[in-house]
Protein backbone atom coordinates (compact mmCIF):
# COMPACT_ATOMS: atom_id res chain seq x y z
CA MET A 1 -30.44 -42.53 -64.39
CA SER A 2 -31.06 -41.28 -61.94
CA SER A 3 -34.23 -41.41 -59.79
CA PRO A 4 -36.84 -39.16 -58.64
CA ASP A 5 -35.59 -39.72 -54.94
CA ASP A 6 -32.31 -39.49 -56.15
CA ILE A 7 -32.81 -35.78 -57.25
CA LEU A 8 -35.39 -34.24 -54.87
CA GLN A 9 -32.67 -35.66 -52.10
CA GLN A 10 -30.47 -33.64 -54.29
CA ASP A 11 -32.06 -30.49 -54.42
CA ASN A 12 -32.82 -30.48 -50.48
CA ILE A 13 -29.32 -30.77 -50.39
CA ASP A 14 -28.42 -27.65 -52.61
CA GLU A 15 -31.21 -25.20 -50.38
CA MET A 16 -29.53 -26.42 -46.94
CA PRO A 17 -28.01 -23.53 -45.59
CA PRO A 18 -23.86 -23.87 -45.56
CA GLU A 19 -22.67 -24.99 -42.28
CA ALA A 20 -21.29 -21.85 -39.82
CA PRO A 21 -17.89 -22.06 -39.22
CA VAL A 22 -16.31 -23.44 -36.38
CA LYS A 23 -15.01 -20.93 -34.23
CA ARG A 24 -11.50 -21.28 -31.77
CA ARG A 25 -10.30 -20.10 -28.68
CA ARG A 26 -7.41 -19.12 -28.48
CA THR A 27 -6.19 -18.37 -24.40
CA TYR A 28 -3.44 -14.90 -24.07
CA ARG A 29 -2.51 -12.42 -21.11
CA THR A 30 -2.89 -9.10 -20.83
CA TYR A 31 -0.15 -6.78 -19.03
CA ASP A 32 -2.32 -3.96 -16.94
CA PHE A 33 -0.53 -1.18 -18.51
CA GLY A 34 -2.98 1.30 -17.35
CA LEU A 35 -2.38 0.88 -13.49
CA LEU A 36 1.55 0.81 -14.54
CA MET A 37 0.84 4.30 -15.75
CA LEU A 38 -1.36 5.30 -13.16
CA THR A 39 1.40 4.41 -10.65
CA VAL A 40 4.13 5.78 -12.51
CA PHE A 41 1.82 8.93 -12.89
CA MET A 42 1.47 8.90 -9.00
CA VAL A 43 5.37 8.76 -8.25
CA GLY A 44 6.15 11.53 -10.76
CA LEU A 45 3.29 13.74 -9.45
CA GLY A 46 4.63 13.16 -5.99
CA LEU A 47 8.23 14.35 -6.35
CA VAL A 48 6.64 17.91 -8.01
CA PHE A 49 4.80 17.92 -4.29
CA LEU A 50 8.23 16.59 -2.81
CA TYR A 51 9.76 19.60 -4.89
CA SER A 52 7.36 22.28 -3.85
CA THR A 53 7.50 21.84 -0.16
CA SER A 54 11.08 20.76 0.37
CA ALA A 55 13.08 23.42 -1.07
CA TYR A 56 12.86 25.90 2.27
CA THR A 57 13.90 23.30 4.39
CA ALA A 58 16.35 21.17 1.94
CA THR A 59 18.21 25.44 1.17
CA GLN A 60 18.01 25.55 4.86
CA LYS A 61 19.46 22.70 6.03
CA PHE A 62 21.93 21.66 3.26
CA GLY A 63 22.15 24.31 0.99
CA ASN A 64 20.17 23.16 -2.23
CA PRO A 65 17.12 23.09 -2.56
CA ALA A 66 16.86 19.92 -4.72
CA TYR A 67 18.42 17.58 -2.21
CA TYR A 68 15.55 15.75 -1.00
CA LEU A 69 14.07 15.65 -5.03
CA LYS A 70 16.86 14.46 -5.97
CA ARG A 71 17.71 11.75 -3.37
CA GLN A 72 13.61 10.66 -3.98
CA GLY A 73 14.68 10.85 -7.57
CA SER A 74 17.02 8.11 -7.42
CA PHE A 75 14.57 6.19 -4.95
CA ALA A 76 12.02 6.42 -7.81
CA VAL A 77 14.05 5.31 -10.25
CA ILE A 78 14.88 2.45 -8.36
CA GLY A 79 11.57 1.48 -7.82
CA ILE A 80 10.06 1.33 -10.57
CA ILE A 81 13.26 -0.82 -11.85
CA ALA A 82 12.07 -3.23 -9.86
CA MET A 83 8.61 -2.76 -9.97
CA VAL A 84 9.28 -3.92 -13.51
CA ILE A 85 11.39 -6.73 -12.90
CA ILE A 86 8.74 -8.42 -9.85
CA SER A 87 5.81 -7.32 -12.12
CA GLY A 88 7.80 -10.46 -14.37
CA ILE A 89 8.19 -13.19 -11.73
CA ASP A 90 4.96 -15.33 -11.41
CA TYR A 91 3.60 -14.18 -7.73
CA LYS A 92 3.33 -18.69 -7.38
CA MET A 93 7.30 -18.33 -6.61
CA TYR A 94 7.31 -17.04 -3.71
CA ILE A 95 5.29 -19.83 -1.89
CA ASP A 96 7.08 -22.26 -4.32
CA LYS A 97 9.03 -24.54 -2.74
CA LEU A 98 12.91 -24.13 -4.28
CA ARG A 99 14.11 -26.81 -6.31
CA PHE A 100 17.09 -27.32 -4.47
CA PHE A 101 16.89 -26.28 -1.10
CA ASN A 102 13.06 -27.58 -1.00
CA ILE A 103 12.32 -24.68 1.28
CA ARG A 104 9.78 -21.36 0.05
CA PRO A 105 10.96 -18.25 -0.05
CA ILE A 106 8.30 -16.78 1.71
CA TYR A 107 9.70 -18.16 5.16
CA ALA A 108 13.06 -16.66 4.53
CA LEU A 109 11.15 -13.05 3.66
CA TYR A 110 9.55 -13.92 7.42
CA LEU A 111 12.76 -15.09 9.30
CA MET A 112 14.53 -11.75 7.55
CA SER A 113 11.94 -9.71 8.44
CA LEU A 114 11.96 -10.63 12.25
CA PHE A 115 16.05 -10.03 12.30
CA LEU A 116 15.11 -6.63 10.86
CA GLN A 117 12.52 -5.83 13.71
CA THR A 118 14.88 -7.30 16.59
CA ILE A 119 18.15 -5.76 14.81
CA VAL A 120 16.55 -2.25 14.82
CA LEU A 121 15.93 -2.01 18.13
CA ILE A 122 19.63 -2.73 19.53
CA VAL A 123 21.46 -0.73 16.76
CA GLY A 124 18.70 1.55 15.25
CA GLU A 125 19.17 5.36 15.33
CA ASN A 126 17.72 7.04 17.60
CA ILE A 127 14.82 9.82 15.57
CA TYR A 128 12.25 11.74 17.17
CA GLY A 129 13.17 9.72 19.86
CA ALA A 130 12.21 6.18 18.32
CA LYS A 131 14.54 3.22 16.96
CA ARG A 132 13.08 2.96 13.25
CA TRP A 133 15.70 3.30 11.30
CA ILE A 134 18.89 1.09 10.25
CA ASP A 135 21.88 3.94 8.83
CA ILE A 136 23.56 2.24 5.97
CA PRO A 137 27.13 4.32 5.31
CA LYS A 138 26.86 5.71 2.07
CA ILE A 139 23.38 5.25 1.19
CA GLY A 140 21.12 6.64 4.43
CA SER A 141 18.96 4.99 6.21
CA PHE A 142 16.46 2.22 6.07
CA GLN A 143 13.70 1.38 7.74
CA PRO A 144 12.34 -2.48 8.22
CA SER A 145 8.94 -2.03 9.34
CA GLU A 146 8.67 -1.55 5.65
CA VAL A 147 9.83 -4.52 4.24
CA THR A 148 7.90 -6.04 7.47
CA LYS A 149 4.28 -4.61 5.43
CA ILE A 150 5.31 -7.13 2.42
CA CYS A 151 6.21 -9.59 4.66
CA VAL A 152 2.39 -9.55 6.49
CA ILE A 153 0.98 -9.19 2.89
CA VAL A 154 2.70 -11.68 1.52
CA PHE A 155 2.81 -14.51 4.62
CA THR A 156 -0.53 -13.68 4.82
CA ALA A 157 -2.07 -14.25 1.83
CA PHE A 158 0.09 -18.02 1.74
CA ILE A 159 -1.98 -19.09 5.81
CA CYS A 160 -5.12 -18.45 4.09
CA TYR A 161 -4.72 -19.61 0.80
CA MET A 162 -3.34 -22.72 2.36
CA ALA A 163 -6.12 -22.73 4.76
CA PRO A 164 -9.04 -21.09 3.56
CA LYS A 165 -11.99 -23.12 4.96
CA ARG A 166 -9.95 -22.74 9.10
CA LEU A 167 -10.79 -18.70 8.51
CA ASN A 168 -14.20 -19.86 9.33
CA SER A 169 -13.94 -20.11 13.02
CA ILE A 170 -12.32 -17.94 15.57
CA LYS A 171 -9.59 -20.54 16.06
CA GLY A 172 -7.83 -20.60 12.69
CA PHE A 173 -8.07 -16.89 12.91
CA ILE A 174 -5.91 -16.78 16.49
CA ARG A 175 -3.78 -19.78 14.42
CA ALA A 176 -3.25 -17.25 11.69
CA GLY A 177 -2.51 -14.04 14.16
CA VAL A 178 0.41 -16.49 16.25
CA TYR A 179 2.34 -16.25 13.03
CA ILE A 180 1.70 -12.22 12.60
CA ALA A 181 2.02 -11.08 16.28
CA PRO A 182 5.39 -11.46 16.38
CA LEU A 183 5.74 -8.71 14.17
CA ALA A 184 3.34 -6.67 14.97
CA LEU A 185 4.97 -6.58 18.60
CA LEU A 186 8.65 -5.92 17.64
CA VAL A 187 7.63 -3.39 15.19
CA GLY A 188 4.47 -1.53 17.78
CA ILE A 189 7.88 -1.04 20.34
CA GLU A 190 8.94 2.02 18.77
CA ASP A 191 5.94 2.51 15.81
CA LEU A 192 2.87 2.00 16.71
CA SER A 193 1.44 3.86 13.60
CA THR A 194 3.34 1.10 11.72
CA ALA A 195 2.20 -1.61 13.96
CA LEU A 196 -1.48 -0.79 13.55
CA VAL A 197 -1.00 -0.57 9.81
CA ILE A 198 0.35 -4.23 9.85
CA MET A 199 -2.46 -5.35 11.93
CA GLY A 200 -4.80 -3.36 9.54
CA ILE A 201 -3.50 -5.81 6.33
CA PHE A 202 -4.14 -9.00 8.54
CA PHE A 203 -7.12 -8.14 9.43
CA LEU A 204 -8.56 -7.35 6.11
CA ILE A 205 -7.15 -10.29 4.15
CA CYS A 206 -8.70 -13.01 6.81
CA PHE A 207 -11.70 -10.83 6.68
CA ILE A 208 -12.13 -11.63 2.62
CA THR A 209 -11.23 -14.50 3.08
CA SER A 210 -13.71 -15.74 5.59
CA LYS A 211 -17.35 -16.36 4.96
CA ARG A 212 -17.90 -15.83 8.70
CA VAL A 213 -18.35 -11.85 10.80
CA TRP A 214 -18.80 -12.25 14.62
CA TYR A 215 -15.68 -12.67 15.56
CA PHE A 216 -13.96 -10.47 13.09
CA MET A 217 -16.30 -7.59 15.40
CA LEU A 218 -15.14 -8.69 18.50
CA THR A 219 -11.23 -8.56 17.52
CA VAL A 220 -12.17 -4.56 16.57
CA MET A 221 -13.81 -4.01 20.33
CA MET A 222 -10.28 -6.20 21.96
CA GLY A 223 -8.46 -4.56 19.91
CA VAL A 224 -9.05 -0.79 20.31
CA GLY A 225 -8.99 -1.96 24.49
CA ALA A 226 -5.52 -3.08 23.89
CA VAL A 227 -4.56 0.29 22.03
CA ALA A 228 -5.92 2.73 24.65
CA GLY A 229 -4.60 0.64 26.99
CA TYR A 230 -1.00 0.52 25.87
CA ILE A 231 -1.42 4.40 25.12
CA PHE A 232 -2.65 5.16 28.52
CA LEU A 233 -0.52 2.76 30.60
CA GLY A 234 3.19 2.78 28.84
CA GLU A 235 5.12 6.04 27.95
CA SER A 236 3.72 9.11 28.30
CA PHE A 237 4.20 11.02 24.58
CA ARG A 238 1.71 8.98 23.36
CA ALA A 239 -0.89 9.55 25.65
CA SER A 240 0.52 13.47 25.94
CA ARG A 241 -0.90 13.50 21.54
CA ILE A 242 -4.22 12.59 22.79
CA SER A 243 -3.92 15.54 25.06
CA GLY A 244 -3.16 17.49 21.90
CA TRP A 245 -5.66 16.01 19.74
CA LEU A 246 -9.00 16.93 22.35
CA ASP A 247 -7.29 20.15 22.78
CA VAL A 248 -5.82 21.38 19.36
CA ASP A 249 -5.54 25.28 19.76
CA ASN A 250 -4.15 25.17 23.27
CA SER A 251 -1.79 22.19 23.87
CA PRO A 252 1.99 22.24 22.57
CA TYR A 253 1.81 18.72 21.46
CA GLY A 254 -1.31 20.26 18.92
CA TYR A 255 1.81 22.65 17.03
CA GLN A 256 2.07 20.61 14.13
CA ILE A 257 -1.53 19.64 13.22
CA ARG A 258 -2.65 23.40 14.35
CA ARG A 259 -0.17 24.31 11.83
CA GLY A 260 -1.05 22.03 9.42
CA LEU A 261 -4.94 22.86 9.81
CA TYR A 262 -4.00 26.92 8.98
CA ALA A 263 -2.18 25.70 5.93
CA ILE A 264 -5.59 24.09 4.68
CA SER A 265 -7.65 26.42 6.07
CA SER A 266 -5.62 29.16 4.08
CA GLY A 267 -5.83 27.41 0.60
CA GLY A 268 -9.93 27.93 0.31
CA LEU A 269 -11.23 26.34 -2.38
CA THR A 270 -8.79 26.50 -5.49
CA GLY A 271 -5.30 27.56 -3.48
CA LYS A 272 -2.56 29.74 -3.95
CA GLY A 273 -1.12 27.88 -6.39
CA LEU A 274 1.44 25.68 -5.97
CA GLY A 275 4.60 26.41 -4.93
CA GLU A 276 2.89 29.39 -3.16
CA SER A 277 2.42 28.22 0.61
CA SER A 278 3.90 30.30 3.20
CA MET A 279 3.06 27.42 5.88
CA LYS A 280 5.85 25.15 4.17
CA LEU A 281 8.84 28.36 5.05
CA GLY A 282 9.54 26.40 8.49
CA TYR A 283 6.20 26.95 10.24
CA VAL A 284 4.37 22.94 9.45
CA PRO A 285 7.24 20.71 10.99
CA GLU A 286 8.20 17.75 8.71
CA SER A 287 5.99 19.62 5.50
CA HIS A 288 8.31 17.48 3.13
CA ASN A 289 7.15 14.30 4.82
CA ASP A 290 4.38 13.65 7.49
CA MET A 291 2.49 16.87 6.51
CA ILE A 292 2.79 17.07 2.81
CA PHE A 293 -0.99 16.86 2.31
CA SER A 294 -1.92 19.99 4.59
CA ILE A 295 0.81 21.73 1.83
CA ILE A 296 -0.48 20.45 -1.34
CA CYS A 297 -4.36 21.53 0.71
CA GLU A 298 -2.64 25.41 1.17
CA GLU A 299 -1.52 25.63 -2.74
CA LEU A 300 -4.26 23.72 -4.85
CA GLY A 301 -6.70 24.38 -2.52
CA ILE A 302 -10.20 22.01 -1.52
CA VAL A 303 -10.35 21.11 -5.03
CA GLY A 304 -7.02 19.83 -6.44
CA ALA A 305 -6.93 17.92 -2.64
CA ILE A 306 -10.16 15.93 -4.30
CA CYS A 307 -8.41 15.17 -7.23
CA ILE A 308 -5.23 13.80 -4.93
CA ILE A 309 -7.61 11.53 -3.30
CA PHE A 310 -9.37 10.89 -6.41
CA LEU A 311 -6.38 9.43 -7.73
CA TYR A 312 -5.76 7.49 -4.84
CA VAL A 313 -9.18 5.89 -5.47
CA LEU A 314 -9.12 4.89 -9.01
CA LEU A 315 -5.29 3.17 -8.35
CA ILE A 316 -7.01 1.32 -5.51
CA TRP A 317 -10.46 0.61 -7.86
CA ARG A 318 -7.42 -0.64 -10.69
CA ILE A 319 -5.62 -3.35 -8.05
CA TYR A 320 -9.16 -4.49 -7.54
CA ILE A 321 -10.10 -4.92 -10.42
CA VAL A 322 -7.13 -7.31 -10.62
CA ALA A 323 -7.38 -9.19 -7.29
CA PHE A 324 -11.39 -9.99 -8.87
CA HIS A 325 -10.07 -11.90 -12.23
CA ALA A 326 -6.95 -13.27 -10.05
CA GLU A 327 -6.04 -16.62 -11.66
CA ASP A 328 -6.70 -18.35 -8.44
CA LEU A 329 -6.72 -17.52 -4.29
CA PHE A 330 -3.49 -16.13 -3.39
CA GLY A 331 -3.30 -13.90 -6.39
CA SER A 332 -6.50 -12.50 -5.46
CA LEU A 333 -5.09 -12.28 -1.58
CA LEU A 334 -1.59 -10.66 -2.74
CA CYS A 335 -3.61 -7.95 -4.64
CA VAL A 336 -6.58 -7.45 -1.15
CA GLY A 337 -3.22 -6.56 0.81
CA VAL A 338 -1.77 -4.29 -0.99
CA MET A 339 -5.10 -1.96 -1.76
CA ALA A 340 -5.32 -2.94 2.33
CA HIS A 341 -1.84 -0.85 2.53
CA ILE A 342 -2.42 2.55 0.93
CA SER A 343 -5.77 2.97 1.58
CA ILE A 344 -4.82 2.43 5.41
CA GLN A 345 -2.10 4.47 5.19
CA LEU A 346 -4.37 7.01 2.89
CA LEU A 347 -6.90 7.58 5.26
CA MET A 348 -4.19 7.95 8.37
CA ASN A 349 -2.31 10.31 6.88
CA ILE A 350 -5.73 12.54 5.64
CA ALA A 351 -7.23 11.93 8.97
CA VAL A 352 -3.81 12.42 11.17
CA VAL A 353 -3.22 15.67 8.98
CA THR A 354 -7.14 16.76 9.68
CA ASN A 355 -7.18 16.50 13.23
CA SER A 356 -9.51 13.14 12.62
CA ILE A 357 -7.32 11.24 15.24
CA PRO A 358 -4.18 11.98 17.29
CA ALA A 359 -1.23 12.48 16.12
CA THR A 360 0.99 9.70 14.54
CA GLY A 361 3.76 9.69 12.50
CA ILE A 362 2.58 8.15 8.77
CA ALA A 363 3.35 8.74 5.07
CA LEU A 364 1.18 9.87 1.93
CA PRO A 365 1.43 6.48 0.05
CA PHE A 366 4.23 7.45 -3.36
CA ILE A 367 4.19 11.67 -2.46
CA SER A 368 5.96 12.08 1.65
CA TYR A 369 9.90 11.87 1.08
CA GLY A 370 10.52 8.11 2.01
CA GLY A 371 12.84 6.14 -0.21
CA THR A 372 12.33 3.26 1.95
CA SER A 373 8.68 3.60 1.48
CA LEU A 374 8.29 4.71 -2.16
CA VAL A 375 10.51 1.51 -3.31
CA LEU A 376 8.81 -0.90 -1.57
CA LEU A 377 5.83 0.49 -2.59
CA LEU A 378 6.22 -0.11 -5.94
CA CYS A 379 7.32 -3.84 -5.06
CA GLU A 380 3.81 -4.42 -4.22
CA ILE A 381 2.33 -3.23 -7.01
CA GLY A 382 4.74 -4.83 -8.99
CA MET A 383 3.54 -8.08 -7.72
CA VAL A 384 -0.17 -6.87 -8.17
CA LEU A 385 1.21 -6.18 -12.06
CA SER A 386 2.75 -9.59 -11.98
CA VAL A 387 -1.42 -11.16 -10.76
CA SER A 388 -2.52 -9.32 -13.61
CA PHE A 389 -0.36 -10.60 -16.21
CA ARG A 390 -0.95 -13.91 -15.42
CA ILE A 391 -4.57 -13.72 -15.65
CA LYS A 392 -6.21 -15.52 -19.27
CA ASN A 393 -8.36 -14.14 -21.31
CA VAL A 394 -10.35 -16.52 -24.07
CA LYS A 395 -10.88 -14.91 -27.34
CA GLU A 396 -13.14 -16.43 -30.02
CA ILE A 397 -11.20 -16.66 -33.40
CA VAL A 398 -12.67 -17.61 -36.34
């Protein structure tokens, strides 16, 4: 027979609330389909603008209005396939030692970039007075500096990842710069604008890594002085571009920019309509390449140009989100490098077209004609997608 204490204890047990279910955590990975779709959309939009701006020139030169579109379209397909493949490769593989050769792939990429930048100075095609391309039979021209940009992104991220605290001193920054300087110098011999993009990528990755600011400001001032000296003490055509920039209305060197400004102003607020540009009919040199933004402004107006810039901002923001949530410092810095590359080229191209800086040959990312540039830009996005796919997310399940 139960005692009163046993009965009271049993009643208390019956009145206790049921225990809450134990929560478990499951780790899963996500693929940034938003970034993927936005990139593919930008490439498709670029093909539309390219056909609109290049049809007349292609007809005059090759008798086929879709000549540039077909070539760029084939490179776009190659680039998208490469982007998807690279996104499935662990980005840490670039800096991990290979099992059989006991070397890091990043070193091979660095040596290959040095080799290509040296070879192009010797056997490169001389186009518009500069040796920037290597002609490959039955394929076309290949621009080694685009490979060098990827090399600088990965190699700088690797240096900062291996010794981030060294970047807190100017000595560590200089030591890191010793590796990138040969590449920048080799590129700068024939292509100053691309050399500036390369140094900008290196600078921003190091700036993000470091906890110091003062020596970066000193480096910027020294860099501006060095570039100014190179321009005015070097070949005369670069100094002539400065004079054309200062007197764009009268200088013969301001012809291209002057025509581009006419195209922008004639577009007004809403533009003439897609395909209705008159300045692309031989009046704006390189209208399908470096000056394509001026034709976009003419056809879509200021409103359309702002929408295009907004798409770039959205793309850069998506890359920033991946960088912020990256699994490690190396993945984060890879994303910073790609973000810096796209941002610098975008700003430089628009600044040149609007005569905000002296004229220099720089492409508008994903839109300007250029197979090498498009394919390797898509490879960079592939690296960012690889970083995003390896971000661990935690979900609580009952």
